[in-house]
Amino acid sequence: VANYAYKNLGNGTFEDVTTQWTSNEKTFSNGAAYGD
C-alpha cells in the first residue's frame, strides 16, 4: 500500500492527505527520515 501522510488540522485531528502530498505509489517501505 501507499505510505500515509496526515495533515495536522490544529484541533486534535488529522486529515489523510496521502494522495495530495505524495505520489501514492504502493511500496514495501520501512525506514524513513526527513530533512531539507
PDB file of all heavy atoms in Angstrom:
ATOM      1  N   VAL A   1       0.846  -1.195   0.000  1.00  0.00           N
ATOM      2  CA  VAL A   1       0.000   0.000   0.000  1.00  0.00           C
ATOM      3  C   VAL A   1       0.880   1.243   0.000  1.00  0.00           C
ATOM      4  O   VAL A   1       2.082   1.184   0.256  1.00  0.00           O
ATOM      5  CB  VAL A   1      -0.937   0.020   1.222  1.00  0.00           C
ATOM      6  CG1 VAL A   1      -1.937  -1.120   1.163  1.00  0.00           C
ATOM      7  CG2 VAL A   1      -0.139  -0.058   2.515  1.00  0.00           C
ATOM      8  N   ALA A   2       0.255   2.362  -0.280  1.00  0.00           N
ATOM      9  CA  ALA A   2       0.986   3.636  -0.251  1.00  0.00           C
ATOM     10  C   ALA A   2       1.283   4.026   1.193  1.00  0.00           C
ATOM     11  O   ALA A   2       0.540   3.681   2.119  1.00  0.00           O
ATOM     12  CB  ALA A   2       0.165   4.723  -0.919  1.00  0.00           C
ATOM     13  N   ASN A   3       2.381   4.741   1.394  1.00  0.00           N
ATOM     14  CA  ASN A   3       2.679   5.313   2.698  1.00  0.00           C
ATOM     15  C   ASN A   3       1.696   6.449   2.994  1.00  0.00           C
ATOM     16  O   ASN A   3       1.248   7.137   2.084  1.00  0.00           O
ATOM     17  CB  ASN A   3       4.119   5.824   2.740  1.00  0.00           C
ATOM     18  CG  ASN A   3       5.116   4.707   2.515  1.00  0.00           C
ATOM     19  OD1 ASN A   3       4.866   3.564   2.871  1.00  0.00           O
ATOM     20  ND2 ASN A   3       6.247   5.038   1.909  1.00  0.00           N
ATOM     21  N   TYR A   4       1.392   6.635   4.252  1.00  0.00           N
ATOM     22  CA  TYR A   4       0.376   7.609   4.645  1.00  0.00           C
ATOM     23  C   TYR A   4       0.993   8.967   4.959  1.00  0.00           C
ATOM     24  O   TYR A   4       2.085   9.056   5.528  1.00  0.00           O
ATOM     25  CB  TYR A   4      -0.376   7.126   5.888  1.00  0.00           C
ATOM     26  CG  TYR A   4      -1.441   6.083   5.629  1.00  0.00           C
ATOM     27  CD1 TYR A   4      -1.094   4.776   5.303  1.00  0.00           C
ATOM     28  CD2 TYR A   4      -2.800   6.391   5.711  1.00  0.00           C
ATOM     29  CE1 TYR A   4      -2.061   3.809   5.076  1.00  0.00           C
ATOM     30  CE2 TYR A   4      -3.776   5.436   5.495  1.00  0.00           C
ATOM     31  CZ  TYR A   4      -3.406   4.145   5.176  1.00  0.00           C
ATOM     32  OH  TYR A   4      -4.368   3.192   4.959  1.00  0.00           O
ATOM     33  N   ALA A   5       0.251  10.019   4.628  1.00  0.00           N
ATOM     34  CA  ALA A   5       0.584  11.378   5.052  1.00  0.00           C
ATOM     35  C   ALA A   5      -0.655  12.001   5.674  1.00  0.00           C
ATOM     36  O   ALA A   5      -1.762  11.908   5.110  1.00  0.00           O
ATOM     37  CB  ALA A   5       1.068  12.219   3.872  1.00  0.00           C
ATOM     38  N   TYR A   6      -0.487  12.598   6.853  1.00  0.00           N
ATOM     39  CA  TYR A   6      -1.599  13.227   7.565  1.00  0.00           C
ATOM     40  C   TYR A   6      -1.271  14.699   7.849  1.00  0.00           C
ATOM     41  O   TYR A   6      -0.208  15.013   8.370  1.00  0.00           O
ATOM     42  CB  TYR A   6      -1.858  12.534   8.900  1.00  0.00           C
ATOM     43  CG  TYR A   6      -2.489  11.166   8.797  1.00  0.00           C
ATOM     44  CD1 TYR A   6      -1.715  10.018   8.925  1.00  0.00           C
ATOM     45  CD2 TYR A   6      -3.863  11.020   8.582  1.00  0.00           C
ATOM     46  CE1 TYR A   6      -2.289   8.757   8.845  1.00  0.00           C
ATOM     47  CE2 TYR A   6      -4.446   9.774   8.502  1.00  0.00           C
ATOM     48  CZ  TYR A   6      -3.662   8.639   8.633  1.00  0.00           C
ATOM     49  OH  TYR A   6      -4.231   7.396   8.547  1.00  0.00           O
ATOM     50  N   LYS A   7      -2.214  15.566   7.530  1.00  0.00           N
ATOM     51  CA  LYS A   7      -2.084  16.985   7.851  1.00  0.00           C
ATOM     52  C   LYS A   7      -2.706  17.257   9.214  1.00  0.00           C
ATOM     53  O   LYS A   7      -3.837  16.849   9.488  1.00  0.00           O
ATOM     54  CB  LYS A   7      -2.784  17.843   6.796  1.00  0.00           C
ATOM     55  CG  LYS A   7      -2.826  19.338   7.127  1.00  0.00           C
ATOM     56  CD  LYS A   7      -3.534  20.127   6.043  1.00  0.00           C
ATOM     57  CE  LYS A   7      -3.761  21.582   6.486  1.00  0.00           C
ATOM     58  NZ  LYS A   7      -2.493  22.287   6.770  1.00  0.00           N
ATOM     59  N   ASN A   8      -1.952  17.927  10.051  1.00  0.00           N
ATOM     60  CA  ASN A   8      -2.433  18.330  11.373  1.00  0.00           C
ATOM     61  C   ASN A   8      -3.375  19.524  11.201  1.00  0.00           C
ATOM     62  O   ASN A   8      -2.967  20.590  10.729  1.00  0.00           O
ATOM     63  CB  ASN A   8      -1.245  18.696  12.262  1.00  0.00           C
ATOM     64  CG  ASN A   8      -1.626  18.910  13.707  1.00  0.00           C
ATOM     65  OD1 ASN A   8      -2.770  19.207  14.034  1.00  0.00           O
ATOM     66  ND2 ASN A   8      -0.641  18.773  14.594  1.00  0.00           N
ATOM     67  N   LEU A   9      -4.640  19.345  11.583  1.00  0.00           N
ATOM     68  CA  LEU A   9      -5.630  20.410  11.427  1.00  0.00           C
ATOM     69  C   LEU A   9      -5.614  21.398  12.592  1.00  0.00           C
ATOM     70  O   LEU A   9      -6.360  22.380  12.575  1.00  0.00           O
ATOM     71  CB  LEU A   9      -7.025  19.804  11.274  1.00  0.00           C
ATOM     72  CG  LEU A   9      -7.208  18.878  10.057  1.00  0.00           C
ATOM     73  CD1 LEU A   9      -8.637  18.345  10.017  1.00  0.00           C
ATOM     74  CD2 LEU A   9      -6.864  19.600   8.763  1.00  0.00           C
ATOM     75  N   GLY A  10      -4.776  21.127  13.599  1.00  0.00           N
ATOM     76  CA  GLY A  10      -4.633  22.059  14.701  1.00  0.00           C
ATOM     77  C   GLY A  10      -5.720  21.984  15.740  1.00  0.00           C
ATOM     78  O   GLY A  10      -5.746  22.783  16.686  1.00  0.00           O
ATOM     79  N   ASN A  11      -6.623  21.010  15.607  1.00  0.00           N
ATOM     80  CA  ASN A  11      -7.734  20.875  16.560  1.00  0.00           C
ATOM     81  C   ASN A  11      -7.772  19.486  17.184  1.00  0.00           C
ATOM     82  O   ASN A  11      -8.815  19.041  17.669  1.00  0.00           O
ATOM     83  CB  ASN A  11      -9.063  21.179  15.866  1.00  0.00           C
ATOM     84  CG  ASN A  11      -9.341  20.227  14.701  1.00  0.00           C
ATOM     85  OD1 ASN A  11      -8.543  19.319  14.426  1.00  0.00           O
ATOM     86  ND2 ASN A  11     -10.444  20.433  14.003  1.00  0.00           N
ATOM     87  N   GLY A  12      -6.630  18.776  17.148  1.00  0.00           N
ATOM     88  CA  GLY A  12      -6.565  17.432  17.696  1.00  0.00           C
ATOM     89  C   GLY A  12      -6.860  16.342  16.695  1.00  0.00           C
ATOM     90  O   GLY A  12      -6.804  15.157  17.040  1.00  0.00           O
ATOM     91  N   THR A  13      -7.198  16.717  15.458  1.00  0.00           N
ATOM     92  CA  THR A  13      -7.488  15.723  14.432  1.00  0.00           C
ATOM     93  C   THR A  13      -6.552  15.905  13.237  1.00  0.00           C
ATOM     94  O   THR A  13      -5.934  16.969  13.060  1.00  0.00           O
ATOM     95  CB  THR A  13      -8.945  15.814  13.950  1.00  0.00           C
ATOM     96  OG1 THR A  13      -9.136  17.068  13.283  1.00  0.00           O
ATOM     97  CG2 THR A  13      -9.905  15.692  15.113  1.00  0.00           C
ATOM     98  N   PHE A  14      -6.502  14.849  12.401  1.00  0.00           N
ATOM     99  CA  PHE A  14      -5.631  14.847  11.226  1.00  0.00           C
ATOM    100  C   PHE A  14      -6.426  14.475   9.989  1.00  0.00           C
ATOM    101  O   PHE A  14      -7.344  13.650  10.052  1.00  0.00           O
ATOM    102  CB  PHE A  14      -4.484  13.853  11.428  1.00  0.00           C
ATOM    103  CG  PHE A  14      -3.519  14.251  12.510  1.00  0.00           C
ATOM    104  CD1 PHE A  14      -3.811  14.023  13.841  1.00  0.00           C
ATOM    105  CD2 PHE A  14      -2.316  14.865  12.196  1.00  0.00           C
ATOM    106  CE1 PHE A  14      -2.943  14.390  14.850  1.00  0.00           C
ATOM    107  CE2 PHE A  14      -1.431  15.247  13.188  1.00  0.00           C
ATOM    108  CZ  PHE A  14      -1.749  15.006  14.527  1.00  0.00           C
ATOM    109  N   GLU A  15      -6.045  15.077   8.872  1.00  0.00           N
ATOM    110  CA  GLU A  15      -6.669  14.776   7.582  1.00  0.00           C
ATOM    111  C   GLU A  15      -5.718  13.914   6.749  1.00  0.00           C
ATOM    112  O   GLU A  15      -4.538  14.231   6.630  1.00  0.00           O
ATOM    113  CB  GLU A  15      -6.974  16.072   6.824  1.00  0.00           C
ATOM    114  CG  GLU A  15      -7.562  15.850   5.434  1.00  0.00           C
ATOM    115  CD  GLU A  15      -7.673  17.135   4.643  1.00  0.00           C
ATOM    116  OE1 GLU A  15      -7.326  18.214   5.183  1.00  0.00           O
ATOM    117  OE2 GLU A  15      -8.094  17.071   3.463  1.00  0.00           O
ATOM    118  N   ASP A  16      -6.243  12.816   6.207  1.00  0.00           N
ATOM    119  CA  ASP A  16      -5.446  11.955   5.335  1.00  0.00           C
ATOM    120  C   ASP A  16      -5.218  12.677   4.002  1.00  0.00           C
ATOM    121  O   ASP A  16      -6.138  12.871   3.216  1.00  0.00           O
ATOM    122  CB  ASP A  16      -6.180  10.634   5.110  1.00  0.00           C
ATOM    123  CG  ASP A  16      -5.348   9.630   4.307  1.00  0.00           C
ATOM    124  OD1 ASP A  16      -4.323  10.040   3.717  1.00  0.00           O
ATOM    125  OD2 ASP A  16      -5.731   8.451   4.262  1.00  0.00           O
ATOM    126  N   VAL A  17      -3.972  13.099   3.770  1.00  0.00           N
ATOM    127  CA  VAL A  17      -3.633  13.836   2.547  1.00  0.00           C
ATOM    128  C   VAL A  17      -2.633  13.039   1.700  1.00  0.00           C
ATOM    129  O   VAL A  17      -1.839  13.621   0.958  1.00  0.00           O
ATOM    130  CB  VAL A  17      -3.070  15.235   2.893  1.00  0.00           C
ATOM    131  CG1 VAL A  17      -4.152  16.130   3.464  1.00  0.00           C
ATOM    132  CG2 VAL A  17      -1.888  15.116   3.865  1.00  0.00           C
ATOM    133  N   THR A  18      -2.680  11.719   1.825  1.00  0.00           N
ATOM    134  CA  THR A  18      -1.730  10.868   1.110  1.00  0.00           C
ATOM    135  C   THR A  18      -1.737  11.145  -0.381  1.00  0.00           C
ATOM    136  O   THR A  18      -0.681  11.313  -1.011  1.00  0.00           O
ATOM    137  CB  THR A  18      -2.061   9.384   1.370  1.00  0.00           C
ATOM    138  OG1 THR A  18      -2.024   9.137   2.778  1.00  0.00           O
ATOM    139  CG2 THR A  18      -1.070   8.479   0.673  1.00  0.00           C
ATOM    140  N   THR A  19      -2.921  11.204  -0.985  1.00  0.00           N
ATOM    141  CA  THR A  19      -2.992  11.401  -2.441  1.00  0.00           C
ATOM    142  C   THR A  19      -2.591  12.805  -2.849  1.00  0.00           C
ATOM    143  O   THR A  19      -2.078  13.017  -3.947  1.00  0.00           O
ATOM    144  CB  THR A  19      -4.418  11.103  -2.943  1.00  0.00           C
ATOM    145  OG1 THR A  19      -5.350  11.931  -2.221  1.00  0.00           O
ATOM    146  CG2 THR A  19      -4.770   9.637  -2.713  1.00  0.00           C
ATOM    147  N   GLN A  20      -2.792  13.799  -1.977  1.00  0.00           N
ATOM    148  CA  GLN A  20      -2.426  15.181  -2.320  1.00  0.00           C
ATOM    149  C   GLN A  20      -0.938  15.448  -2.107  1.00  0.00           C
ATOM    150  O   GLN A  20      -0.324  16.210  -2.854  1.00  0.00           O
ATOM    151  CB  GLN A  20      -3.231  16.172  -1.480  1.00  0.00           C
ATOM    152  CG  GLN A  20      -4.739  16.102  -1.675  1.00  0.00           C
ATOM    153  CD  GLN A  20      -5.423  15.280  -0.609  1.00  0.00           C
ATOM    154  OE1 GLN A  20      -5.143  14.093  -0.482  1.00  0.00           O
ATOM    155  NE2 GLN A  20      -6.306  15.915   0.156  1.00  0.00           N
ATOM    156  N   TRP A  21      -0.335  14.831  -1.088  1.00  0.00           N
ATOM    157  CA  TRP A  21       1.035  15.166  -0.708  1.00  0.00           C
ATOM    158  C   TRP A  21       2.084  14.226  -1.288  1.00  0.00           C
ATOM    159  O   TRP A  21       3.259  14.583  -1.345  1.00  0.00           O
ATOM    160  CB  TRP A  21       1.166  15.161   0.825  1.00  0.00           C
ATOM    161  CG  TRP A  21       0.591  16.384   1.474  1.00  0.00           C
ATOM    162  CD1 TRP A  21      -0.218  17.320   0.911  1.00  0.00           C
ATOM    163  CD2 TRP A  21       0.783  16.794   2.833  1.00  0.00           C
ATOM    164  NE1 TRP A  21      -0.550  18.281   1.829  1.00  0.00           N
ATOM    165  CE2 TRP A  21       0.056  17.988   3.011  1.00  0.00           C
ATOM    166  CE3 TRP A  21       1.490  16.262   3.905  1.00  0.00           C
ATOM    167  CZ2 TRP A  21       0.015  18.666   4.233  1.00  0.00           C
ATOM    168  CZ3 TRP A  21       1.453  16.932   5.126  1.00  0.00           C
ATOM    169  CH2 TRP A  21       0.729  18.126   5.289  1.00  0.00           C
ATOM    170  N   THR A  22       1.705  12.995  -1.642  1.00  0.00           N
ATOM    171  CA  THR A  22       2.704  12.019  -2.085  1.00  0.00           C
ATOM    172  C   THR A  22       2.355  11.503  -3.472  1.00  0.00           C
ATOM    173  O   THR A  22       1.303  11.824  -4.038  1.00  0.00           O
ATOM    174  CB  THR A  22       2.791  10.832  -1.112  1.00  0.00           C
ATOM    175  OG1 THR A  22       1.662   9.978  -1.308  1.00  0.00           O
ATOM    176  CG2 THR A  22       2.801  11.294   0.342  1.00  0.00           C
ATOM    177  N   SER A  23       3.233  10.659  -3.995  1.00  0.00           N
ATOM    178  CA  SER A  23       2.983  10.055  -5.305  1.00  0.00           C
ATOM    179  C   SER A  23       1.950   8.946  -5.222  1.00  0.00           C
ATOM    180  O   SER A  23       1.493   8.436  -6.243  1.00  0.00           O
ATOM    181  CB  SER A  23       4.292   9.469  -5.856  1.00  0.00           C
ATOM    182  OG  SER A  23       4.772   8.442  -5.005  1.00  0.00           O
ATOM    183  N   ASN A  24       1.577   8.553  -3.986  1.00  0.00           N
ATOM    184  CA  ASN A  24       0.593   7.486  -3.754  1.00  0.00           C
ATOM    185  C   ASN A  24       1.057   6.148  -4.325  1.00  0.00           C
ATOM    186  O   ASN A  24       0.248   5.264  -4.605  1.00  0.00           O
ATOM    187  CB  ASN A  24      -0.767   7.871  -4.348  1.00  0.00           C
ATOM    188  CG  ASN A  24      -1.915   7.208  -3.619  1.00  0.00           C
ATOM    189  OD1 ASN A  24      -1.817   6.957  -2.420  1.00  0.00           O
ATOM    190  ND2 ASN A  24      -2.987   6.902  -4.323  1.00  0.00           N
ATOM    191  N   GLU A  25       2.374   5.991  -4.481  1.00  0.00           N
ATOM    192  CA  GLU A  25       2.926   4.755  -5.026  1.00  0.00           C
ATOM    193  C   GLU A  25       2.878   3.653  -3.975  1.00  0.00           C
ATOM    194  O   GLU A  25       3.178   3.874  -2.805  1.00  0.00           O
ATOM    195  CB  GLU A  25       4.377   4.988  -5.461  1.00  0.00           C
ATOM    196  CG  GLU A  25       5.065   3.749  -6.008  1.00  0.00           C
ATOM    197  CD  GLU A  25       6.539   3.994  -6.302  1.00  0.00           C
ATOM    198  OE1 GLU A  25       7.039   5.078  -5.939  1.00  0.00           O
ATOM    199  OE2 GLU A  25       7.183   3.106  -6.874  1.00  0.00           O
ATOM    200  N   LYS A  26       2.514   2.457  -4.400  1.00  0.00           N
ATOM    201  CA  LYS A  26       2.471   1.322  -3.491  1.00  0.00           C
ATOM    202  C   LYS A  26       3.870   0.727  -3.344  1.00  0.00           C
ATOM    203  O   LYS A  26       4.506   0.396  -4.342  1.00  0.00           O
ATOM    204  CB  LYS A  26       1.486   0.263  -3.992  1.00  0.00           C
ATOM    205  CG  LYS A  26       0.042   0.730  -3.986  1.00  0.00           C
ATOM    206  CD  LYS A  26      -0.894  -0.369  -4.450  1.00  0.00           C
ATOM    207  CE  LYS A  26      -2.347   0.094  -4.377  1.00  0.00           C
ATOM    208  NZ  LYS A  26      -3.281  -0.979  -4.809  1.00  0.00           N
ATOM    209  N   THR A  27       4.333   0.612  -2.105  1.00  0.00           N
ATOM    210  CA  THR A  27       5.690   0.122  -1.841  1.00  0.00           C
ATOM    211  C   THR A  27       5.691  -0.728  -0.571  1.00  0.00           C
ATOM    212  O   THR A  27       4.725  -0.731   0.191  1.00  0.00           O
ATOM    213  CB  THR A  27       6.671   1.294  -1.631  1.00  0.00           C
ATOM    214  OG1 THR A  27       6.160   2.143  -0.581  1.00  0.00           O
ATOM    215  CG2 THR A  27       6.855   2.101  -2.898  1.00  0.00           C
ATOM    216  N   PHE A  28       6.781  -1.444  -0.369  1.00  0.00           N
ATOM    217  CA  PHE A  28       7.059  -2.080   0.904  1.00  0.00           C
ATOM    218  C   PHE A  28       8.128  -1.224   1.587  1.00  0.00           C
ATOM    219  O   PHE A  28       9.319  -1.381   1.334  1.00  0.00           O
ATOM    220  CB  PHE A  28       7.559  -3.509   0.713  1.00  0.00           C
ATOM    221  CG  PHE A  28       6.644  -4.375  -0.124  1.00  0.00           C
ATOM    222  CD1 PHE A  28       6.984  -4.713  -1.424  1.00  0.00           C
ATOM    223  CD2 PHE A  28       5.441  -4.832   0.389  1.00  0.00           C
ATOM    224  CE1 PHE A  28       6.155  -5.502  -2.187  1.00  0.00           C
ATOM    225  CE2 PHE A  28       4.603  -5.625  -0.372  1.00  0.00           C
ATOM    226  CZ  PHE A  28       4.957  -5.961  -1.667  1.00  0.00           C
ATOM    227  N   SER A  29       7.707  -0.296   2.413  1.00  0.00           N
ATOM    228  CA  SER A  29       8.622   0.694   2.983  1.00  0.00           C
ATOM    229  C   SER A  29       8.849   0.414   4.462  1.00  0.00           C
ATOM    230  O   SER A  29       7.978  -0.108   5.150  1.00  0.00           O
ATOM    231  CB  SER A  29       8.060   2.108   2.814  1.00  0.00           C
ATOM    232  OG  SER A  29       7.824   2.402   1.449  1.00  0.00           O
ATOM    233  N   ASN A  30      10.046   0.773   4.955  1.00  0.00           N
ATOM    234  CA  ASN A  30      10.324   0.593   6.387  1.00  0.00           C
ATOM    235  C   ASN A  30      10.939   1.859   6.974  1.00  0.00           C
ATOM    236  O   ASN A  30      10.253   2.676   7.534  1.00  0.00           O
ATOM    237  CB  ASN A  30      11.189  -0.647   6.625  1.00  0.00           C
ATOM    238  CG  ASN A  30      12.192  -0.904   5.522  1.00  0.00           C
ATOM    239  OD1 ASN A  30      13.025  -0.044   5.258  1.00  0.00           O
ATOM    240  ND2 ASN A  30      12.123  -2.073   4.891  1.00  0.00           N
ATOM    241  N   GLY A  31      12.262   2.038   6.885  1.00  0.00           N
ATOM    242  CA  GLY A  31      12.887   3.221   7.459  1.00  0.00           C
ATOM    243  C   GLY A  31      12.536   4.487   6.701  1.00  0.00           C
ATOM    244  O   GLY A  31      12.308   4.470   5.490  1.00  0.00           O
ATOM    245  N   ALA A  32      12.495   5.622   7.423  1.00  0.00           N
ATOM    246  CA  ALA A  32      12.213   6.916   6.795  1.00  0.00           C
ATOM    247  C   ALA A  32      12.871   8.026   7.609  1.00  0.00           C
ATOM    248  O   ALA A  32      13.030   7.905   8.824  1.00  0.00           O
ATOM    249  CB  ALA A  32      10.706   7.159   6.693  1.00  0.00           C
ATOM    250  N   ALA A  33      13.247   9.091   6.928  1.00  0.00           N
ATOM    251  CA  ALA A  33      13.867  10.241   7.593  1.00  0.00           C
ATOM    252  C   ALA A  33      13.478  11.514   6.848  1.00  0.00           C
ATOM    253  O   ALA A  33      13.187  11.479   5.646  1.00  0.00           O
ATOM    254  CB  ALA A  33      15.386  10.099   7.634  1.00  0.00           C
ATOM    255  N   TYR A  34      13.483  12.641   7.573  1.00  0.00           N
ATOM    256  CA  TYR A  34      13.194  13.920   6.931  1.00  0.00           C
ATOM    257  C   TYR A  34      14.389  14.846   7.037  1.00  0.00           C
ATOM    258  O   TYR A  34      15.252  14.686   7.900  1.00  0.00           O
ATOM    259  CB  TYR A  34      11.951  14.583   7.528  1.00  0.00           C
ATOM    260  CG  TYR A  34      11.995  14.805   9.024  1.00  0.00           C
ATOM    261  CD1 TYR A  34      12.785  15.803   9.595  1.00  0.00           C
ATOM    262  CD2 TYR A  34      11.215  14.036   9.875  1.00  0.00           C
ATOM    263  CE1 TYR A  34      12.813  16.016  10.959  1.00  0.00           C
ATOM    264  CE2 TYR A  34      11.228  14.243  11.252  1.00  0.00           C
ATOM    265  CZ  TYR A  34      12.028  15.230  11.787  1.00  0.00           C
ATOM    266  OH  TYR A  34      12.060  15.440  13.137  1.00  0.00           O
ATOM    267  N   GLY A  35      14.447  15.816   6.152  1.00  0.00           N
ATOM    268  CA  GLY A  35      15.489  16.838   6.159  1.00  0.00           C
ATOM    269  C   GLY A  35      15.282  17.767   4.980  1.00  0.00           C
ATOM    270  O   GLY A  35      14.712  17.365   3.957  1.00  0.00           O
ATOM    271  N   ASP A  36      15.735  18.992   5.100  1.00  0.00           N
ATOM    272  CA  ASP A  36      15.625  19.945   3.996  1.00  0.00           C
ATOM    273  C   ASP A  36      16.789  19.699   3.041  1.00  0.00           C
ATOM    274  O   ASP A  36      17.845  20.330   3.129  1.00  0.00           O
ATOM    275  CB  ASP A  36      15.642  21.377   4.535  1.00  0.00           C
ATOM    276  CG  ASP A  36      15.324  22.399   3.455  1.00  0.00           C
ATOM    277  OD1 ASP A  36      15.150  21.999   2.284  1.00  0.00           O
ATOM    278  OD2 ASP A  36      15.273  23.599   3.780  1.00  0.00           O
TER     279      ASP A  36
END
